[in-house]
N, C-alpha and C. Protein backbone atom coordinates (compact mmCIF):
# COMPACT_ATOMS: atom_id res chain seq x y z
N MET A 1 -7.06 23.23 -23.35
CA MET A 1 -6.75 21.74 -22.79
C MET A 1 -5.48 21.46 -22.56
N THR A 2 -5.43 20.73 -21.67
CA THR A 2 -4.04 20.50 -21.32
C THR A 2 -3.38 19.36 -21.80
N LYS A 3 -2.37 19.28 -22.40
CA LYS A 3 -1.87 18.51 -23.21
C LYS A 3 -0.78 17.38 -22.16
N ILE A 4 -1.07 16.35 -22.05
CA ILE A 4 -0.54 15.14 -21.53
C ILE A 4 0.55 14.44 -22.50
N ILE A 5 1.92 14.52 -22.20
CA ILE A 5 2.79 14.00 -22.90
C ILE A 5 3.38 12.51 -22.25
N SER A 6 3.25 11.38 -22.88
CA SER A 6 3.86 10.19 -22.15
C SER A 6 5.31 10.13 -22.40
N LEU A 7 6.21 10.13 -21.32
CA LEU A 7 7.79 9.61 -21.67
C LEU A 7 7.88 8.11 -21.60
N TRP A 8 8.43 7.81 -22.40
CA TRP A 8 8.84 6.18 -22.53
C TRP A 8 10.37 6.32 -22.30
N ALA A 9 10.69 5.06 -21.67
CA ALA A 9 12.17 4.79 -21.52
C ALA A 9 12.47 3.06 -21.59
N VAL A 10 13.55 2.60 -21.91
CA VAL A 10 13.88 1.26 -22.35
C VAL A 10 14.33 0.47 -20.68
N ILE A 11 13.32 -0.45 -20.30
CA ILE A 11 13.95 -1.08 -19.08
C ILE A 11 14.78 -2.30 -19.39
N PHE A 12 15.80 -2.43 -18.94
CA PHE A 12 16.94 -3.41 -19.32
C PHE A 12 16.72 -4.58 -17.86
N MET A 13 16.29 -5.67 -18.09
CA MET A 13 16.10 -6.91 -17.13
C MET A 13 17.10 -7.87 -17.21
N ILE A 14 17.72 -8.08 -16.01
CA ILE A 14 18.83 -9.49 -16.29
C ILE A 14 18.37 -10.49 -15.55
N VAL A 15 18.08 -11.79 -16.07
CA VAL A 15 17.42 -12.69 -15.65
C VAL A 15 18.29 -14.13 -15.73
N ASN A 16 19.56 -14.11 -16.45
CA ASN A 16 20.31 -14.90 -16.63
C ASN A 16 21.35 -15.02 -15.75
N ALA A 17 21.87 -16.14 -14.89
CA ALA A 17 22.85 -15.99 -14.04
C ALA A 17 24.39 -15.58 -14.82
N SER A 18 24.03 -16.06 -16.32
CA SER A 18 25.26 -15.96 -17.42
C SER A 18 25.67 -14.44 -17.33
N PHE A 19 25.02 -13.67 -16.81
CA PHE A 19 25.51 -12.21 -16.87
C PHE A 19 26.24 -11.90 -15.75
N ALA A 20 26.43 -12.65 -14.70
CA ALA A 20 27.19 -12.62 -13.77
C ALA A 20 28.61 -11.93 -13.79
N GLN A 21 29.25 -12.32 -14.89
CA GLN A 21 30.50 -11.67 -14.93
C GLN A 21 30.50 -10.23 -15.11
N ASP A 22 29.50 -9.54 -15.61
CA ASP A 22 29.22 -8.27 -16.18
C ASP A 22 29.30 -7.44 -14.86
N ILE A 23 29.09 -8.15 -13.76
CA ILE A 23 29.01 -7.18 -12.66
C ILE A 23 30.54 -6.80 -12.37
N GLU A 24 30.84 -5.45 -11.86
CA GLU A 24 32.03 -5.07 -11.35
C GLU A 24 32.14 -5.43 -9.88
N ASN A 25 33.18 -6.27 -9.65
CA ASN A 25 33.65 -6.45 -8.43
C ASN A 25 34.68 -5.63 -7.52
N ARG A 26 34.04 -4.81 -6.88
CA ARG A 26 35.14 -3.94 -6.11
C ARG A 26 35.85 -4.58 -5.02
N LYS A 27 37.22 -4.13 -4.61
CA LYS A 27 37.77 -4.38 -3.60
C LYS A 27 37.51 -3.48 -2.33
N LEU A 28 37.37 -3.93 -1.36
CA LEU A 28 37.07 -2.71 -0.25
C LEU A 28 37.80 -3.26 1.21
N SER A 29 38.79 -2.53 1.44
CA SER A 29 39.30 -2.98 3.09
C SER A 29 38.86 -1.96 4.04
N ILE A 30 38.47 -2.50 5.03
CA ILE A 30 37.75 -2.31 6.28
C ILE A 30 38.80 -2.23 7.41
N SER A 31 38.45 -1.56 8.42
CA SER A 31 39.17 -1.61 9.82
C SER A 31 38.17 -1.71 10.88
N TYR A 32 38.97 -2.32 12.15
CA TYR A 32 38.18 -2.53 13.22
C TYR A 32 37.91 -1.04 13.98
N SER A 33 38.82 -0.12 13.85
CA SER A 33 38.92 1.09 14.52
C SER A 33 38.48 2.22 13.86
N LYS A 34 38.24 2.01 12.41
CA LYS A 34 37.91 3.22 11.79
C LYS A 34 36.73 2.72 10.69
N THR A 35 36.09 3.79 10.50
CA THR A 35 34.80 3.98 9.50
C THR A 35 34.89 4.20 8.39
N THR A 36 34.60 3.30 7.04
CA THR A 36 34.75 3.67 5.87
C THR A 36 33.34 4.06 5.28
N SER A 37 33.30 5.24 4.68
CA SER A 37 31.85 5.68 4.13
C SER A 37 31.69 5.53 2.47
N LEU A 38 30.92 4.51 2.18
CA LEU A 38 30.54 4.39 0.65
C LEU A 38 29.49 5.29 0.38
N ILE A 39 29.77 6.26 -0.59
CA ILE A 39 28.64 7.06 -1.12
C ILE A 39 28.38 6.91 -2.35
N PHE A 40 27.05 6.56 -2.39
CA PHE A 40 26.44 6.04 -3.64
C PHE A 40 25.63 6.88 -4.39
N PRO A 41 25.51 6.88 -6.00
CA PRO A 41 24.99 8.17 -6.48
C PRO A 41 23.26 7.99 -6.39
N PHE A 42 22.76 6.86 -5.70
CA PHE A 42 21.21 6.96 -5.60
C PHE A 42 21.10 6.37 -4.12
N SER A 43 19.78 6.32 -3.66
CA SER A 43 19.62 5.87 -2.24
C SER A 43 19.62 4.47 -2.13
N ILE A 44 19.91 4.00 -1.42
CA ILE A 44 20.25 2.33 -0.87
C ILE A 44 18.99 1.97 -0.78
N THR A 45 18.67 0.92 -1.46
CA THR A 45 17.53 0.10 -1.03
C THR A 45 17.72 -1.31 -0.34
N SER A 46 19.04 -1.71 -0.52
CA SER A 46 19.03 -3.28 0.11
C SER A 46 20.72 -3.23 0.32
N VAL A 47 21.08 -3.81 1.72
CA VAL A 47 22.30 -4.30 2.06
C VAL A 47 22.43 -5.94 2.44
N ASP A 48 23.38 -6.35 1.80
CA ASP A 48 23.54 -7.90 2.18
C ASP A 48 24.87 -8.01 2.64
N ARG A 49 25.21 -8.56 3.88
CA ARG A 49 26.73 -8.87 4.33
C ARG A 49 26.84 -10.58 4.02
N GLY A 50 28.28 -10.53 3.70
CA GLY A 50 28.52 -12.22 3.43
C GLY A 50 28.86 -12.65 4.87
N SER A 51 29.12 -11.54 5.67
CA SER A 51 29.41 -12.25 7.04
C SER A 51 29.23 -11.13 8.10
N GLN A 52 28.90 -11.55 9.40
CA GLN A 52 28.55 -10.94 10.53
C GLN A 52 29.83 -9.82 10.98
N ASP A 53 30.79 -10.32 10.37
CA ASP A 53 32.09 -9.78 10.72
C ASP A 53 32.20 -8.31 10.04
N VAL A 54 31.30 -8.12 9.00
CA VAL A 54 31.21 -6.65 8.65
C VAL A 54 29.99 -5.94 9.15
N LEU A 55 30.24 -4.90 9.63
CA LEU A 55 29.12 -3.89 10.27
C LEU A 55 28.84 -2.93 9.02
N ALA A 56 27.68 -2.71 8.98
CA ALA A 56 26.86 -1.90 8.09
C ALA A 56 25.78 -1.06 8.43
N GLN A 57 25.62 0.01 7.95
CA GLN A 57 24.51 0.93 8.20
C GLN A 57 24.51 2.12 7.57
N LYS A 58 23.20 2.75 7.40
CA LYS A 58 23.15 3.91 6.61
C LYS A 58 23.55 5.02 7.49
N ALA A 59 24.31 6.15 6.85
CA ALA A 59 24.55 7.39 7.81
C ALA A 59 23.12 7.86 8.27
N ARG A 60 23.02 8.26 9.22
CA ARG A 60 21.90 8.95 9.87
C ARG A 60 21.48 10.26 8.95
N GLY A 61 20.11 10.26 8.84
CA GLY A 61 19.53 11.09 7.50
C GLY A 61 20.14 11.39 6.28
N VAL A 62 20.74 10.27 6.07
CA VAL A 62 21.22 10.50 4.51
C VAL A 62 20.97 9.01 3.71
N GLU A 63 20.19 9.24 2.71
CA GLU A 63 20.07 7.64 2.15
C GLU A 63 21.05 6.90 1.12
N ASN A 64 22.00 7.75 0.81
CA ASN A 64 23.00 7.32 -0.37
C ASN A 64 24.46 6.88 0.28
N VAL A 65 24.64 6.91 1.78
CA VAL A 65 25.93 6.93 2.54
C VAL A 65 25.73 5.49 3.15
N LEU A 66 26.50 4.84 3.07
CA LEU A 66 26.67 3.50 3.88
C LEU A 66 27.93 3.61 4.45
N GLN A 67 27.89 3.40 6.00
CA GLN A 67 28.96 3.34 6.83
C GLN A 67 29.25 1.96 7.23
N VAL A 68 30.73 1.42 6.82
CA VAL A 68 31.26 0.16 7.24
C VAL A 68 32.30 0.00 7.69
N LYS A 69 32.34 -0.73 8.88
CA LYS A 69 33.43 -1.20 9.52
C LYS A 69 33.87 -2.59 9.92
N ALA A 70 34.60 -3.37 10.44
CA ALA A 70 34.95 -4.39 10.83
C ALA A 70 34.68 -4.81 12.30
N GLY A 71 33.68 -5.77 12.47
CA GLY A 71 33.29 -6.07 13.92
C GLY A 71 34.18 -7.22 14.65
N ARG A 72 35.26 -7.49 13.83
CA ARG A 72 36.60 -8.00 14.64
C ARG A 72 37.76 -7.94 13.72
N LYS A 73 39.05 -8.21 14.37
CA LYS A 73 39.99 -7.92 13.43
C LYS A 73 40.51 -9.23 12.86
N GLN A 74 41.03 -8.97 11.59
CA GLN A 74 41.88 -10.17 10.73
C GLN A 74 40.77 -11.10 10.39
N PHE A 75 39.53 -10.57 10.05
CA PHE A 75 38.15 -11.70 9.63
C PHE A 75 38.85 -12.20 8.44
N THR A 76 38.07 -13.17 7.95
CA THR A 76 38.74 -14.05 6.73
C THR A 76 37.48 -13.33 5.77
N GLU A 77 38.30 -13.29 4.52
CA GLU A 77 37.68 -12.39 3.28
C GLU A 77 36.21 -12.82 3.11
N THR A 78 35.27 -11.88 2.85
CA THR A 78 34.12 -11.95 2.57
C THR A 78 33.47 -11.06 1.69
N ASN A 79 32.14 -10.77 1.56
CA ASN A 79 31.75 -9.84 0.50
C ASN A 79 30.64 -9.20 1.09
N LEU A 80 30.02 -8.06 0.50
CA LEU A 80 28.98 -6.94 0.50
C LEU A 80 28.60 -6.61 -0.73
N THR A 81 26.98 -6.58 -0.63
CA THR A 81 26.45 -6.54 -1.99
C THR A 81 25.03 -5.36 -1.51
N VAL A 82 25.15 -4.23 -2.39
CA VAL A 82 24.47 -3.28 -2.12
C VAL A 82 23.60 -2.79 -3.52
N ILE A 83 22.28 -2.70 -3.22
CA ILE A 83 21.41 -2.64 -4.30
C ILE A 83 20.86 -0.81 -4.01
N THR A 84 20.99 -0.51 -5.09
CA THR A 84 20.60 1.27 -4.90
C THR A 84 19.33 1.44 -5.89
N ALA A 85 18.88 2.62 -5.62
CA ALA A 85 17.35 2.91 -5.96
C ALA A 85 17.35 3.05 -7.73
N ASP A 86 18.39 3.16 -8.25
CA ASP A 86 18.51 3.09 -9.70
C ASP A 86 18.57 1.91 -10.17
N GLY A 87 18.00 0.73 -9.27
CA GLY A 87 18.16 -0.59 -9.95
C GLY A 87 19.62 -1.48 -10.20
N VAL A 88 20.59 -0.76 -9.43
CA VAL A 88 21.93 -1.33 -9.65
C VAL A 88 22.41 -1.76 -8.68
N LEU A 89 23.01 -3.21 -8.99
CA LEU A 89 23.76 -4.06 -8.13
C LEU A 89 25.15 -3.73 -7.88
N HIS A 90 25.77 -3.31 -6.60
CA HIS A 90 26.95 -3.32 -6.62
C HIS A 90 27.80 -4.40 -5.53
N GLN A 91 28.56 -4.82 -6.12
CA GLN A 91 29.39 -6.07 -5.63
C GLN A 91 30.71 -5.52 -5.01
N PHE A 92 31.04 -6.15 -3.67
CA PHE A 92 32.40 -5.54 -3.19
C PHE A 92 32.79 -7.04 -2.57
N THR A 93 34.39 -7.07 -2.63
CA THR A 93 35.02 -8.18 -1.88
C THR A 93 35.58 -7.32 -0.84
N VAL A 94 35.54 -7.72 0.39
CA VAL A 94 35.64 -7.12 1.62
C VAL A 94 36.78 -7.99 2.32
N THR A 95 37.92 -7.33 2.66
CA THR A 95 39.23 -7.95 3.33
C THR A 95 39.82 -6.63 4.66
N TYR A 96 40.43 -7.39 5.25
CA TYR A 96 40.79 -6.54 6.60
C TYR A 96 41.87 -6.00 6.61
N SER A 97 42.03 -4.56 7.05
CA SER A 97 43.27 -3.85 6.80
C SER A 97 43.35 -2.84 8.19
N ASP A 98 44.21 -2.80 9.05
CA ASP A 98 44.53 -1.82 10.09
C ASP A 98 44.54 -0.59 9.68
N THR A 99 45.04 -0.41 8.40
CA THR A 99 45.05 0.87 7.98
C THR A 99 44.46 1.00 6.38
N PRO A 100 43.14 1.07 6.23
CA PRO A 100 42.76 1.31 4.86
C PRO A 100 43.00 2.42 4.09
N SER A 101 43.48 2.13 3.07
CA SER A 101 43.87 3.38 2.06
C SER A 101 42.89 4.44 1.69
N GLU A 102 41.45 3.87 1.74
CA GLU A 102 40.52 5.27 1.69
C GLU A 102 39.47 4.95 2.78
N GLN A 103 38.98 6.10 3.09
CA GLN A 103 37.78 5.86 4.37
C GLN A 103 36.68 6.72 3.98
N ALA A 104 36.66 7.34 2.67
CA ALA A 104 35.51 7.79 1.95
C ALA A 104 35.80 7.58 0.35
N ILE A 105 34.61 6.69 -0.04
CA ILE A 105 34.69 6.05 -1.22
C ILE A 105 33.29 6.62 -2.05
N THR A 106 33.25 7.34 -3.40
CA THR A 106 32.54 7.84 -4.02
C THR A 106 32.23 6.56 -5.07
N ILE A 107 31.03 6.10 -5.26
CA ILE A 107 30.80 5.09 -6.09
C ILE A 107 30.40 5.85 -7.31
N ALA A 108 30.55 5.89 -8.46
CA ALA A 108 30.30 6.57 -9.93
C ALA A 108 28.83 5.94 -10.16
N ALA A 109 27.97 6.65 -11.14
CA ALA A 109 26.79 5.88 -11.59
C ALA A 109 27.10 4.87 -12.43
N ASN A 110 26.32 4.15 -12.84
CA ASN A 110 26.17 2.91 -13.87
C ASN A 110 26.90 3.34 -14.63
N THR A 111 27.99 2.47 -15.19
CA THR A 111 28.73 2.65 -16.35
C THR A 111 28.94 1.47 -17.19
N GLY A 112 27.75 0.69 -17.14
CA GLY A 112 27.38 -0.67 -17.66
C GLY A 112 28.15 -1.70 -17.35
N LYS A 113 29.03 -1.57 -16.55
CA LYS A 113 29.70 -2.68 -15.53
C LYS A 113 28.71 -3.43 -14.71
N GLN A 114 28.17 -2.81 -14.05
CA GLN A 114 27.31 -3.42 -12.95
C GLN A 114 25.68 -3.77 -13.59
N SER A 115 25.35 -5.00 -13.24
CA SER A 115 23.74 -5.33 -13.56
C SER A 115 22.87 -4.69 -13.11
N LEU A 116 22.22 -4.25 -14.02
CA LEU A 116 20.84 -3.62 -13.54
C LEU A 116 19.57 -4.63 -13.54
N ILE A 117 18.95 -4.62 -12.52
CA ILE A 117 17.99 -5.62 -11.86
C ILE A 117 16.54 -4.75 -12.09
N LEU A 118 15.51 -5.77 -12.23
CA LEU A 118 14.30 -4.89 -12.31
C LEU A 118 13.58 -5.45 -10.62
N VAL A 119 12.99 -4.33 -9.81
CA VAL A 119 12.35 -4.40 -8.76
C VAL A 119 10.97 -4.22 -8.85
N LYS A 120 10.09 -5.06 -8.76
CA LYS A 120 8.64 -4.90 -9.08
C LYS A 120 8.11 -3.72 -8.17
N ASP A 121 7.47 -2.73 -8.56
CA ASP A 121 6.67 -1.55 -8.28
C ASP A 121 8.03 -0.47 -7.40
N ALA A 122 8.89 -0.82 -7.67
CA ALA A 122 9.90 0.05 -6.92
C ALA A 122 10.45 1.35 -7.71
N VAL A 123 10.32 2.54 -7.27
CA VAL A 123 10.66 3.83 -8.15
C VAL A 123 12.28 4.06 -8.33
N ASN A 124 12.53 3.88 -9.30
CA ASN A 124 13.99 4.00 -10.12
C ASN A 124 14.16 5.39 -10.37
N GLU A 125 15.03 5.87 -9.15
CA GLU A 125 15.46 7.33 -8.94
C GLU A 125 16.18 7.63 -10.50
N ARG A 126 16.97 6.84 -11.04
CA ARG A 126 17.72 7.41 -12.11
C ARG A 126 16.61 7.57 -13.17
N ASP A 127 15.61 6.79 -13.21
CA ASP A 127 14.55 6.99 -14.69
C ASP A 127 13.76 8.56 -14.04
N ILE A 128 13.69 8.82 -12.78
CA ILE A 128 12.72 9.71 -12.45
C ILE A 128 13.69 10.90 -12.66
N GLN A 129 14.91 11.20 -12.51
CA GLN A 129 15.85 12.12 -13.07
C GLN A 129 15.94 12.40 -14.20
N VAL A 130 15.98 11.24 -15.13
CA VAL A 130 16.06 11.36 -16.66
C VAL A 130 14.96 12.30 -17.11
N ASP A 131 13.71 11.75 -16.59
CA ASP A 131 12.47 12.11 -17.28
C ASP A 131 12.19 13.61 -16.70
N SER A 132 12.66 14.01 -15.53
CA SER A 132 12.46 15.31 -14.91
C SER A 132 13.09 16.26 -15.78
N GLN A 133 14.40 15.86 -16.14
CA GLN A 133 15.26 16.80 -17.08
C GLN A 133 14.66 16.80 -18.45
N LEU A 134 14.10 15.60 -18.81
CA LEU A 134 13.29 15.58 -20.35
C LEU A 134 11.98 16.70 -20.24
N ALA A 135 11.29 16.52 -19.21
CA ALA A 135 10.11 17.73 -19.12
C ALA A 135 10.54 19.23 -19.14
N LEU A 136 11.80 19.43 -18.46
CA LEU A 136 12.26 20.39 -18.37
C LEU A 136 12.81 21.10 -19.83
N LYS A 137 13.12 20.06 -20.35
CA LYS A 137 13.65 20.67 -21.90
C LYS A 137 12.62 20.82 -22.82
N GLN A 138 11.47 20.20 -22.72
CA GLN A 138 10.26 20.13 -23.41
C GLN A 138 9.71 21.76 -23.86
N TYR A 139 9.42 22.15 -25.10
CA TYR A 139 8.75 23.40 -25.52
C TYR A 139 7.51 23.77 -25.02
N VAL A 140 7.01 24.42 -24.35
CA VAL A 140 5.76 24.58 -23.78
C VAL A 140 5.20 26.02 -24.17
N THR A 141 3.97 26.26 -24.17
CA THR A 141 3.27 27.60 -24.60
C THR A 141 2.23 27.73 -23.37
N GLY A 142 1.78 28.83 -23.10
CA GLY A 142 0.98 28.90 -22.19
C GLY A 142 0.97 28.42 -20.58
N GLN A 143 -0.09 28.45 -19.87
CA GLN A 143 0.05 27.71 -18.73
C GLN A 143 -1.29 26.93 -18.25
N ILE A 144 -1.25 26.17 -17.18
CA ILE A 144 -2.39 25.57 -16.70
C ILE A 144 -2.99 26.49 -15.60
N ASP A 145 -2.29 26.88 -14.88
CA ASP A 145 -3.03 27.63 -13.81
C ASP A 145 -1.52 28.68 -13.20
N GLN A 146 -2.17 29.81 -12.56
CA GLN A 146 -1.20 30.64 -11.81
C GLN A 146 -1.81 31.22 -10.98
N TYR A 147 -0.89 31.76 -9.99
CA TYR A 147 -0.99 32.53 -8.81
C TYR A 147 -0.31 33.65 -8.45
N ASN A 148 -0.62 34.96 -8.27
CA ASN A 148 0.14 35.90 -8.21
C ASN A 148 -0.03 36.41 -6.80
N LYS A 149 1.11 37.04 -5.86
CA LYS A 149 0.65 37.63 -4.87
C LYS A 149 2.17 38.32 -4.60
N TYR A 150 2.01 39.74 -3.87
CA TYR A 150 3.44 40.34 -3.39
C TYR A 150 4.51 40.44 -4.67
N GLN A 151 3.95 40.48 -5.70
CA GLN A 151 5.05 40.61 -6.86
C GLN A 151 5.77 39.29 -7.40
N MET A 152 5.29 38.07 -6.66
CA MET A 152 5.61 36.76 -6.84
C MET A 152 4.72 36.04 -7.58
N SER A 153 5.26 35.16 -8.57
CA SER A 153 4.04 34.73 -9.37
C SER A 153 4.57 33.10 -9.46
N PHE A 154 3.60 32.40 -9.25
CA PHE A 154 3.92 30.79 -9.30
C PHE A 154 2.98 30.18 -10.37
N SER A 155 3.65 29.37 -11.38
CA SER A 155 2.67 28.95 -12.56
C SER A 155 3.12 27.43 -12.76
N LEU A 156 2.05 26.85 -12.92
CA LEU A 156 2.01 25.66 -13.30
C LEU A 156 1.71 25.21 -14.80
N GLN A 157 3.21 25.17 -15.27
CA GLN A 157 3.20 25.13 -17.05
C GLN A 157 2.84 24.24 -17.73
N GLU A 158 2.79 22.83 -17.31
CA GLU A 158 2.33 21.70 -17.88
C GLU A 158 2.53 20.43 -16.90
N ILE A 159 1.74 19.46 -17.44
CA ILE A 159 1.97 18.28 -16.68
C ILE A 159 2.13 17.20 -17.63
N PHE A 160 3.29 16.33 -17.18
CA PHE A 160 3.92 15.00 -17.96
C PHE A 160 3.32 13.60 -17.11
N ILE A 161 3.30 12.55 -17.79
CA ILE A 161 3.21 11.61 -16.86
C ILE A 161 3.91 10.48 -17.68
N ARG A 162 4.53 9.60 -16.96
CA ARG A 162 5.07 8.22 -17.16
C ARG A 162 4.77 7.33 -16.04
N GLY A 163 4.03 6.13 -16.67
CA GLY A 163 3.34 5.38 -16.05
C GLY A 163 2.66 5.61 -14.61
N ASN A 164 2.92 5.56 -13.44
CA ASN A 164 2.27 5.93 -12.44
C ASN A 164 2.97 7.32 -11.62
N THR A 165 3.85 7.92 -12.38
CA THR A 165 4.43 9.09 -12.05
C THR A 165 3.97 10.33 -12.70
N LEU A 166 3.61 11.17 -11.95
CA LEU A 166 3.12 12.72 -12.45
C LEU A 166 4.42 13.55 -12.67
N TYR A 167 4.72 14.16 -13.47
CA TYR A 167 5.69 15.18 -13.57
C TYR A 167 5.11 16.66 -13.64
N TYR A 168 5.44 17.41 -12.76
CA TYR A 168 4.63 18.86 -12.73
C TYR A 168 5.79 19.99 -13.32
N ARG A 169 5.52 20.61 -14.26
CA ARG A 169 6.91 21.78 -14.57
C ARG A 169 6.21 23.07 -14.09
N ILE A 170 7.04 23.66 -13.25
CA ILE A 170 6.40 25.02 -12.59
C ILE A 170 7.20 25.99 -12.79
N GLN A 171 6.83 27.12 -12.68
CA GLN A 171 7.80 28.40 -12.63
C GLN A 171 7.30 29.25 -11.61
N ILE A 172 8.55 29.85 -10.96
CA ILE A 172 8.43 30.79 -9.74
C ILE A 172 9.28 31.87 -10.64
N ARG A 173 8.54 33.08 -10.50
CA ARG A 173 8.97 34.36 -11.03
C ARG A 173 9.10 35.40 -9.87
N ASN A 174 10.11 36.11 -9.72
CA ASN A 174 10.28 37.02 -8.59
C ASN A 174 10.04 38.52 -9.46
N LYS A 175 9.00 39.14 -9.65
CA LYS A 175 8.89 40.56 -10.22
C LYS A 175 9.26 41.72 -9.33
N SER A 176 9.69 41.30 -8.07
CA SER A 176 10.17 42.38 -7.04
C SER A 176 11.61 42.91 -7.18
N SER A 177 12.10 43.61 -6.64
CA SER A 177 13.60 43.95 -6.39
C SER A 177 14.30 43.54 -5.01
N ILE A 178 13.66 42.65 -4.41
CA ILE A 178 14.15 41.67 -3.42
C ILE A 178 14.44 40.22 -3.77
N SER A 179 15.59 39.68 -3.25
CA SER A 179 15.68 38.37 -3.43
C SER A 179 15.16 37.57 -2.18
N TYR A 180 14.42 36.39 -2.60
CA TYR A 180 13.89 35.76 -1.45
C TYR A 180 14.30 34.21 -1.61
N ASP A 181 14.51 33.68 -0.07
CA ASP A 181 14.76 32.47 -0.05
C ASP A 181 13.68 31.29 0.14
N ILE A 182 13.90 30.20 -0.48
CA ILE A 182 12.97 29.27 -0.96
C ILE A 182 12.95 28.03 0.27
N LYS A 183 11.93 28.60 1.13
CA LYS A 183 12.05 27.49 2.38
C LYS A 183 11.66 25.90 1.77
N SER A 184 10.39 26.00 1.29
CA SER A 184 10.09 24.49 1.03
C SER A 184 9.18 24.67 -0.18
N LEU A 185 8.69 23.39 -0.81
CA LEU A 185 7.99 23.34 -1.74
C LEU A 185 6.95 22.15 -1.39
N LYS A 186 5.60 22.43 -1.23
CA LYS A 186 4.79 21.53 -0.66
C LYS A 186 3.78 20.98 -1.82
N PHE A 187 3.14 19.72 -1.86
CA PHE A 187 2.19 19.41 -2.61
C PHE A 187 1.12 18.68 -1.66
N LEU A 188 -0.08 19.24 -1.70
CA LEU A 188 -1.14 18.81 -0.76
C LEU A 188 -2.27 18.16 -1.69
N ILE A 189 -2.81 17.05 -1.14
CA ILE A 189 -4.20 16.59 -1.56
C ILE A 189 -5.14 17.05 -0.54
N ARG A 190 -6.17 17.82 -0.95
CA ARG A 190 -7.18 18.56 -0.12
C ARG A 190 -8.56 18.11 -0.69
N ASP A 191 -9.54 17.73 0.25
CA ASP A 191 -10.52 17.36 0.09
C ASP A 191 -11.56 18.57 0.00
N ARG A 192 -12.04 19.01 -1.45
CA ARG A 192 -12.57 20.15 -1.46
C ARG A 192 -14.14 19.92 -1.16
N LYS A 193 -14.83 18.91 -1.05
CA LYS A 193 -16.04 18.58 -0.47
C LYS A 193 -16.35 18.30 0.94
N LYS A 194 -16.05 19.43 1.45
CA LYS A 194 -16.12 19.87 2.81
C LYS A 194 -17.58 19.87 3.49
N VAL A 195 -18.09 18.46 4.34
CA VAL A 195 -19.18 19.00 4.93
C VAL A 195 -19.33 19.73 6.11
N LYS A 196 -20.41 20.28 6.23
CA LYS A 196 -20.68 21.27 7.48
C LYS A 196 -19.99 20.55 8.91
N ARG A 197 -19.69 21.40 9.58
CA ARG A 197 -18.84 20.78 10.99
C ARG A 197 -17.86 19.55 11.12
N THR A 198 -17.44 19.43 9.85
CA THR A 198 -16.26 18.25 9.81
C THR A 198 -15.00 19.34 9.63
N SER A 199 -13.83 18.49 9.86
CA SER A 199 -12.56 19.18 9.39
C SER A 199 -12.34 19.04 7.90
N SER A 200 -11.34 19.65 7.56
CA SER A 200 -10.85 19.63 6.23
C SER A 200 -9.73 18.42 5.99
N GLN A 201 -9.93 17.42 5.13
CA GLN A 201 -8.80 16.47 4.87
C GLN A 201 -7.87 16.90 4.01
N GLU A 202 -6.59 16.75 4.32
CA GLU A 202 -5.45 17.28 3.50
C GLU A 202 -4.44 16.21 3.77
N THR A 203 -3.62 16.09 2.80
CA THR A 203 -2.59 15.20 2.65
C THR A 203 -1.23 15.62 2.10
N GLU A 204 -0.39 15.62 2.60
CA GLU A 204 0.87 16.11 2.12
C GLU A 204 1.63 15.05 1.27
N ILE A 205 2.09 15.28 0.03
CA ILE A 205 2.64 14.32 -0.81
C ILE A 205 4.38 14.94 -1.26
N ASN A 206 5.09 14.27 -0.73
CA ASN A 206 6.39 14.46 -0.75
C ASN A 206 7.04 14.21 -2.25
N PRO A 207 7.69 15.13 -2.98
CA PRO A 207 8.28 15.03 -4.20
C PRO A 207 9.25 13.74 -4.40
N LEU A 208 9.29 13.08 -5.18
CA LEU A 208 10.17 12.07 -5.56
C LEU A 208 11.37 12.60 -5.84
N PHE A 209 11.55 13.92 -6.60
CA PHE A 209 12.49 14.27 -7.17
C PHE A 209 12.36 15.87 -7.74
N ILE A 210 13.16 16.79 -7.59
CA ILE A 210 12.87 18.40 -7.84
C ILE A 210 14.04 18.73 -8.58
N GLY A 211 14.00 18.90 -9.99
CA GLY A 211 14.85 19.26 -10.98
C GLY A 211 15.09 20.65 -10.62
N ASN A 212 16.51 21.22 -10.98
CA ASN A 212 16.88 22.65 -10.83
C ASN A 212 16.39 23.09 -9.38
N GLU A 213 16.54 22.38 -8.31
CA GLU A 213 16.20 22.86 -7.10
C GLU A 213 17.37 23.60 -6.68
N SER A 214 17.00 24.84 -5.84
CA SER A 214 17.85 25.89 -5.29
C SER A 214 17.26 26.54 -4.25
N ASP A 215 17.86 27.22 -3.40
CA ASP A 215 17.16 27.75 -2.04
C ASP A 215 16.91 29.36 -1.74
N ARG A 216 17.17 29.96 -3.11
CA ARG A 216 16.78 31.12 -3.53
C ARG A 216 16.55 31.64 -4.66
N ILE A 217 15.84 32.61 -4.79
CA ILE A 217 15.63 33.33 -6.15
C ILE A 217 15.52 35.00 -6.03
N GLN A 218 16.55 35.10 -6.90
CA GLN A 218 17.10 36.36 -7.24
C GLN A 218 16.02 37.64 -7.64
N ALA A 219 16.12 38.66 -7.37
CA ALA A 219 15.26 39.93 -7.79
C ALA A 219 15.27 39.85 -9.24
N TYR A 220 14.03 39.93 -9.79
CA TYR A 220 13.73 40.16 -11.00
C TYR A 220 14.26 39.02 -11.89
N ALA A 221 14.07 38.07 -11.37
CA ALA A 221 14.50 36.29 -11.98
C ALA A 221 13.60 35.61 -11.96
N SER A 222 13.61 34.42 -12.51
CA SER A 222 12.68 33.36 -12.36
C SER A 222 13.48 32.02 -12.37
N THR A 223 12.84 30.96 -12.15
CA THR A 223 13.30 29.46 -12.15
C THR A 223 12.24 28.56 -12.45
N THR A 224 12.61 27.67 -13.22
CA THR A 224 11.55 26.74 -13.58
C THR A 224 12.26 25.13 -13.06
N ARG A 225 11.12 24.44 -12.55
CA ARG A 225 11.54 23.32 -11.66
C ARG A 225 10.45 21.80 -12.30
């Protein structure tokens, strides 16, 4: 019988404007001729510019990097607000500089100085990562299912659930003397009740997060994700 373990976390919600002084207001200098990159610990979900003099866009193909530059020289001081997928609001006071001191700024994960906000139905990436690590640390015995081929073993060890999110703990074991590159890990929902002369219905589900992700499994080794 499959054991389902419910993972609980405390959600903080700030609804009173009196908490505004807890938000860390960073200073940001940007230039007309140079681009400044803000690197956040989680995906960017919302960007608000206090003025059209601030140009901002996500870096192509990257969800957690915001590229910022000035739309004109010597603009009046303004602000920039960014919300990330961990539910944190980042506030910046933006000024102009011909020669900004930093052109790549890494924003640390929440230190308690930023305000946590509650976004209805949003996926909180920080909670997903914390819960994934918790699932990996759980002691489990046996397995739910296993597939073996070419001296490779793929095992579904356990299923965990929190809210509407499922966590699959899987193990890949290489029993051969050859190291293999892992190209991708796919999850599919497939219609098993196939009517004659109809095509099989198959939907790919992209994982929200993969713990212990690696692109190679060594000979006679195993990895748990």
